């Protein structure tokens, strides 16, 4: 009678099954409408994330609209709150917004933040932007006056663009100098080909969730933040199939 080896064998099978299932759930293949495929890997979730920037050592700083700044260690992965952040006026579009490093961060260790704050009468500062209405009402024709250049690319209805990068990494060599734009309303990542003064939508990836922010990682991966509660931090790497 030797029940122990059988139990150990069964436990090993269950362990391997559970870990395989987890890996399949964590990683996802995302297909573009031009034939490219990306591997999406989830690292962390956040409460209304807004912006992110990489530190020289590879760690990541992420802002949450409610006023929290988090440092994300991607090797673990884990996240810790950064202290000393100013109070923000949270509500609507107000709160803690963008984050960027000083150009000479290695020398200055300065980090710039944008945020909304209340004045003495309790009113919040606001940012106003002109664009296509979310209602779907067509936007007016663009000005044709000689001192203005009409947009090279726009969408009706709007994709509700968010973060934007010009890609210059080595992980996707065919996409050098392409722009990548996050789409809130469109729930997409949009690749823009730029040829001289011309730009056109080359490919769209259906992300399934609103995309708030896009950044290029130190190793050339494309990182995106999903919008709203439980928004995920995703790393996009070759699957591998990339079209020009």
Protein backbone atom coordinates (compact mmCIF):
# COMPACT_ATOMS: atom_id res chain seq x y z
CA UNK A 1 0.00 0.00 0.00
CA UNK A 2 1.61 3.23 -1.21
CA UNK A 3 -0.94 6.08 -1.14
CA UNK A 4 1.56 8.88 -0.52
CA UNK A 5 3.24 8.90 -3.96
CA UNK A 6 -0.18 9.00 -5.63
CA UNK A 7 -1.26 11.98 -3.48
CA UNK A 8 1.94 13.80 -4.25
CA UNK A 9 1.48 13.11 -7.97
CA UNK A 10 -2.12 14.38 -7.86
CA UNK A 11 -1.07 17.50 -5.92
CA UNK A 12 1.62 18.23 -8.50
CA UNK A 13 -0.91 17.94 -11.33
CA UNK A 14 -3.28 20.32 -9.55
CA UNK A 15 -0.44 22.78 -8.90
CA UNK A 16 0.60 22.76 -12.56
CA UNK A 17 -3.02 23.12 -13.72
CA UNK A 18 -3.69 26.07 -11.42
CA UNK A 19 -0.52 27.89 -12.42
CA UNK A 20 -1.17 27.30 -16.14
CA UNK A 21 -4.70 28.62 -15.72
CA UNK A 22 -3.39 31.71 -13.93
CA UNK A 23 -0.82 32.39 -16.64
CA UNK A 24 -3.49 32.13 -19.33
CA UNK A 25 -5.72 34.53 -17.42
CA UNK A 26 -2.91 37.04 -16.83
CA UNK A 27 -1.65 37.15 -20.43
CA UNK A 28 -3.82 37.98 -23.43
CA UNK A 29 -3.25 38.26 -27.16
CA UNK A 30 -4.67 41.47 -28.64
CA UNK A 31 -5.19 41.63 -32.40
CA UNK A 32 -5.01 44.79 -34.48
CA UNK A 33 -7.24 45.41 -37.47
CA UNK A 34 -4.19 45.46 -39.77
CA UNK A 35 -2.98 42.01 -38.71
CA UNK A 36 -0.53 42.80 -35.91
CA UNK A 37 -0.74 40.96 -32.59
CA UNK A 38 0.38 42.08 -29.13
CA UNK A 39 0.92 40.19 -25.90
CA UNK A 40 -0.74 42.07 -23.02
CA UNK A 41 0.52 41.31 -19.50
CA UNK A 42 -1.17 42.78 -16.43
CA UNK A 43 1.03 44.01 -13.57
CA UNK A 44 -1.13 45.99 -11.12
CA UNK A 45 -4.56 47.59 -10.70
CA UNK A 46 -5.31 51.15 -9.58
CA UNK A 47 -8.09 53.44 -8.40
CA UNK A 48 -8.76 55.87 -11.27
CA UNK A 49 -5.19 56.04 -12.61
CA UNK A 50 -4.40 59.11 -14.68
CA UNK A 51 -0.75 59.27 -15.71
CA UNK A 52 2.60 57.50 -15.33
CA UNK A 53 6.29 58.04 -15.91
CA UNK A 54 9.31 55.75 -15.65
CA UNK A 55 12.23 56.41 -13.31
CA UNK A 56 15.82 55.80 -14.48
CA UNK A 57 16.05 52.61 -12.38
CA UNK A 58 13.02 51.11 -14.15
CA UNK A 59 10.46 51.75 -11.41
CA UNK A 60 7.24 53.49 -12.37
CA UNK A 61 5.35 56.42 -10.85
CA UNK A 62 1.56 56.36 -11.27
CA UNK A 63 -0.90 59.09 -10.30
CA UNK A 64 -4.45 58.37 -9.15
CA UNK A 65 -7.03 61.09 -9.60
CA UNK A 66 -8.01 61.06 -5.92
CA UNK A 67 -4.58 62.48 -5.01
CA UNK A 68 -2.44 59.36 -4.53
CA UNK A 69 1.00 58.96 -6.07
CA UNK A 70 2.28 55.39 -6.21
CA UNK A 71 5.72 53.96 -6.91
CA UNK A 72 5.44 50.63 -8.70
CA UNK A 73 8.27 48.12 -8.50
CA UNK A 74 7.80 46.07 -11.65
CA UNK A 75 10.14 43.23 -10.69
CA UNK A 76 7.91 42.11 -7.79
CA UNK A 77 5.44 43.59 -8.79
CA UNK A 78 4.41 45.77 -5.83
CA UNK A 79 3.40 49.37 -5.16
CA UNK A 80 3.90 51.84 -2.32
CA UNK A 81 2.41 55.29 -1.69
CA UNK A 82 4.68 58.32 -2.05
CA UNK A 83 4.34 60.84 0.80
CA UNK A 84 4.32 64.63 0.61
CA UNK A 85 1.88 65.03 -2.27
CA UNK A 86 -0.15 68.30 -2.17
CA UNK A 87 -3.87 68.11 -1.41
CA UNK A 88 -6.02 68.09 -4.54
CA UNK A 89 -9.58 69.16 -5.31
CA UNK A 90 -11.02 65.81 -6.34
CA UNK A 91 -14.22 65.61 -8.35
CA UNK A 92 -15.39 65.59 -11.95
CA UNK A 93 -12.27 66.11 -14.04
CA UNK A 94 -10.42 67.58 -11.05
CA UNK A 95 -7.77 65.82 -9.03
CA UNK A 96 -4.18 64.67 -9.41
CA UNK A 97 -3.27 64.63 -13.08
CA UNK A 98 -0.09 64.40 -15.09
CA UNK A 99 3.41 63.56 -13.90
CA UNK A 100 6.75 64.06 -15.62
CA UNK A 101 10.41 64.00 -14.65
CA UNK A 102 12.65 67.04 -14.90
CA UNK A 103 14.87 66.71 -18.02
CA UNK A 104 17.90 66.56 -15.69
CA UNK A 105 16.21 64.33 -13.11
CA UNK A 106 19.40 62.40 -12.33
CA UNK A 107 20.93 65.65 -11.08
CA UNK A 108 17.91 67.52 -9.70
CA UNK A 109 15.61 64.65 -8.58
CA UNK A 110 12.69 66.96 -9.41
CA UNK A 111 9.28 65.62 -10.42
CA UNK A 112 6.51 67.81 -11.83
CA UNK A 113 2.83 67.19 -11.06
CA UNK A 114 -0.34 68.80 -12.37
CA UNK A 115 -3.39 68.93 -10.10
CA UNK A 116 -6.56 70.84 -9.32
CA UNK A 117 -6.80 72.87 -6.11
CA UNK A 118 -9.47 74.95 -4.41
CA UNK A 119 -9.14 78.70 -4.06
CA UNK A 120 -10.14 80.69 -1.00
CA UNK A 121 -13.86 80.66 -1.88
CA UNK A 122 -13.93 76.90 -2.36
CA UNK A 123 -13.97 76.96 -6.16
CA UNK A 124 -11.88 74.47 -8.08
CA UNK A 125 -9.56 75.35 -10.91
CA UNK A 126 -10.59 73.82 -14.24
CA UNK A 127 -9.03 73.02 -17.59
CA UNK A 128 -11.16 73.75 -20.65
CA UNK A 129 -10.49 72.10 -24.01
CA UNK A 130 -12.25 72.41 -27.35
CA UNK A 131 -13.12 69.24 -29.23
CA UNK A 132 -15.80 66.97 -30.63
CA UNK A 133 -18.90 66.65 -28.49
CA UNK A 134 -19.48 63.32 -26.77
CA UNK A 135 -23.14 63.58 -27.86
CA UNK A 136 -22.07 62.77 -31.41
CA UNK A 137 -23.01 66.22 -32.77
CA UNK A 138 -20.67 66.85 -35.74
CA UNK A 139 -17.86 69.31 -35.05
CA UNK A 140 -17.76 72.45 -37.19
CA UNK A 141 -15.53 72.60 -40.25
CA UNK A 142 -11.95 73.44 -39.40
CA UNK A 143 -10.75 76.96 -40.02
CA UNK A 144 -9.19 77.47 -43.42
CA UNK A 145 -7.44 80.74 -42.65
CA UNK A 146 -3.85 80.68 -43.95
CA UNK A 147 -2.26 81.07 -40.52
CA UNK A 148 -4.00 77.91 -39.24
CA UNK A 149 -3.23 74.35 -40.30
CA UNK A 150 -6.20 72.02 -40.23
CA UNK A 151 -5.65 68.75 -38.28
CA UNK A 152 -3.94 66.08 -40.34
CA UNK A 153 -6.05 63.44 -38.62
CA UNK A 154 -9.28 63.55 -36.63
CA UNK A 155 -12.20 61.26 -35.83
CA UNK A 156 -15.97 61.73 -36.01
CA UNK A 157 -17.32 60.42 -33.74
CA UNK A 158 -14.40 61.06 -31.45
CA UNK A 159 -12.14 58.31 -30.14
CA UNK A 160 -11.65 60.55 -27.06
CA UNK A 161 -7.83 60.54 -27.31
CA UNK A 162 -5.79 60.42 -24.11
CA UNK A 163 -2.06 59.68 -23.75
CA UNK A 164 0.24 59.86 -26.77
CA UNK A 165 3.79 58.73 -27.50
CA UNK A 166 6.09 58.80 -30.54
CA UNK A 167 7.64 55.35 -30.49
CA UNK A 168 11.45 55.11 -30.80
CA UNK A 169 12.21 51.79 -29.12
CA UNK A 170 13.83 48.65 -30.51
CA UNK A 171 11.17 46.12 -29.48
CA UNK A 172 8.96 47.08 -32.44
CA UNK A 173 11.47 48.13 -35.15
CA UNK A 174 8.81 48.42 -37.87
CA UNK A 175 6.94 50.98 -35.77
CA UNK A 176 9.80 53.43 -35.29
CA UNK A 177 8.44 57.01 -35.34
CA UNK A 178 4.82 55.86 -35.27
CA UNK A 179 2.52 57.58 -32.81
CA UNK A 180 0.40 55.61 -30.34
CA UNK A 181 -2.73 57.18 -28.88
CA UNK A 182 -4.95 55.83 -26.14
CA UNK A 183 -8.69 55.91 -26.78
CA UNK A 184 -11.15 56.49 -23.95
CA UNK A 185 -14.48 56.38 -25.74
CA UNK A 186 -13.15 54.00 -28.39
CA UNK A 187 -11.57 51.66 -25.79
CA UNK A 188 -8.61 51.23 -28.08
CA UNK A 189 -4.93 51.79 -28.73
CA UNK A 190 -4.44 53.52 -32.07
CA UNK A 191 -1.23 53.38 -34.12
CA UNK A 192 -0.63 56.42 -36.32
CA UNK A 193 1.79 56.35 -39.24
CA UNK A 194 3.53 59.68 -39.85
CA UNK A 195 5.07 60.35 -43.26
CA UNK A 196 6.48 63.86 -43.52
CA UNK A 197 3.55 66.22 -42.91
CA UNK A 198 0.97 63.48 -43.42
CA UNK A 199 -0.54 61.25 -40.74
CA UNK A 200 -3.07 58.46 -40.98
CA UNK A 201 -4.51 55.75 -38.75
CA UNK A 202 -2.51 52.63 -39.57
CA UNK A 203 -3.97 50.21 -37.04
CA UNK A 204 -6.38 49.99 -34.14
CA UNK A 205 -6.19 47.54 -31.25
CA UNK A 206 -9.42 46.76 -29.41
CA UNK A 207 -8.40 46.91 -25.74
CA UNK A 208 -11.84 46.23 -24.27
CA UNK A 209 -11.49 49.06 -21.73
CA UNK A 210 -10.98 52.82 -21.77
CA UNK A 211 -7.27 53.64 -22.16
CA UNK A 212 -6.18 56.63 -20.09
CA UNK A 213 -2.39 56.72 -20.55
CA UNK A 214 0.32 55.41 -22.90
CA UNK A 215 4.07 55.32 -22.26
CA UNK A 216 7.13 53.67 -23.76
CA UNK A 217 9.07 51.53 -21.30
CA UNK A 218 12.86 51.53 -20.86
CA UNK A 219 13.17 48.24 -22.79
CA UNK A 220 10.91 49.32 -25.64
CA UNK A 221 7.62 47.81 -24.51
CA UNK A 222 4.43 49.86 -24.74
CA UNK A 223 2.71 50.40 -21.40
CA UNK A 224 -0.90 51.49 -21.00
CA UNK A 225 -3.14 52.39 -18.07
CA UNK A 226 -6.82 51.56 -18.14
CA UNK A 227 -9.22 54.22 -16.91
CA UNK A 228 -11.57 54.25 -13.89
CA UNK A 229 -11.76 51.94 -10.84
CA UNK A 230 -9.60 48.81 -10.99
CA UNK A 231 -7.79 50.15 -14.05
CA UNK A 232 -4.96 47.81 -14.95
CA UNK A 233 -1.35 48.53 -15.83
CA UNK A 234 -0.62 46.55 -19.01
CA UNK A 235 2.67 45.91 -20.78
CA UNK A 236 2.36 45.30 -24.52
CA UNK A 237 5.12 43.33 -26.23
CA UNK A 238 5.40 41.51 -29.58
CA UNK A 239 3.32 38.36 -29.93
CA UNK A 240 5.04 38.26 -32.61
CA UNK A 241 3.50 39.69 -35.77
CA UNK A 242 3.77 43.37 -36.65
CA UNK A 243 2.72 45.12 -39.84
CA UNK A 244 3.99 48.42 -41.13
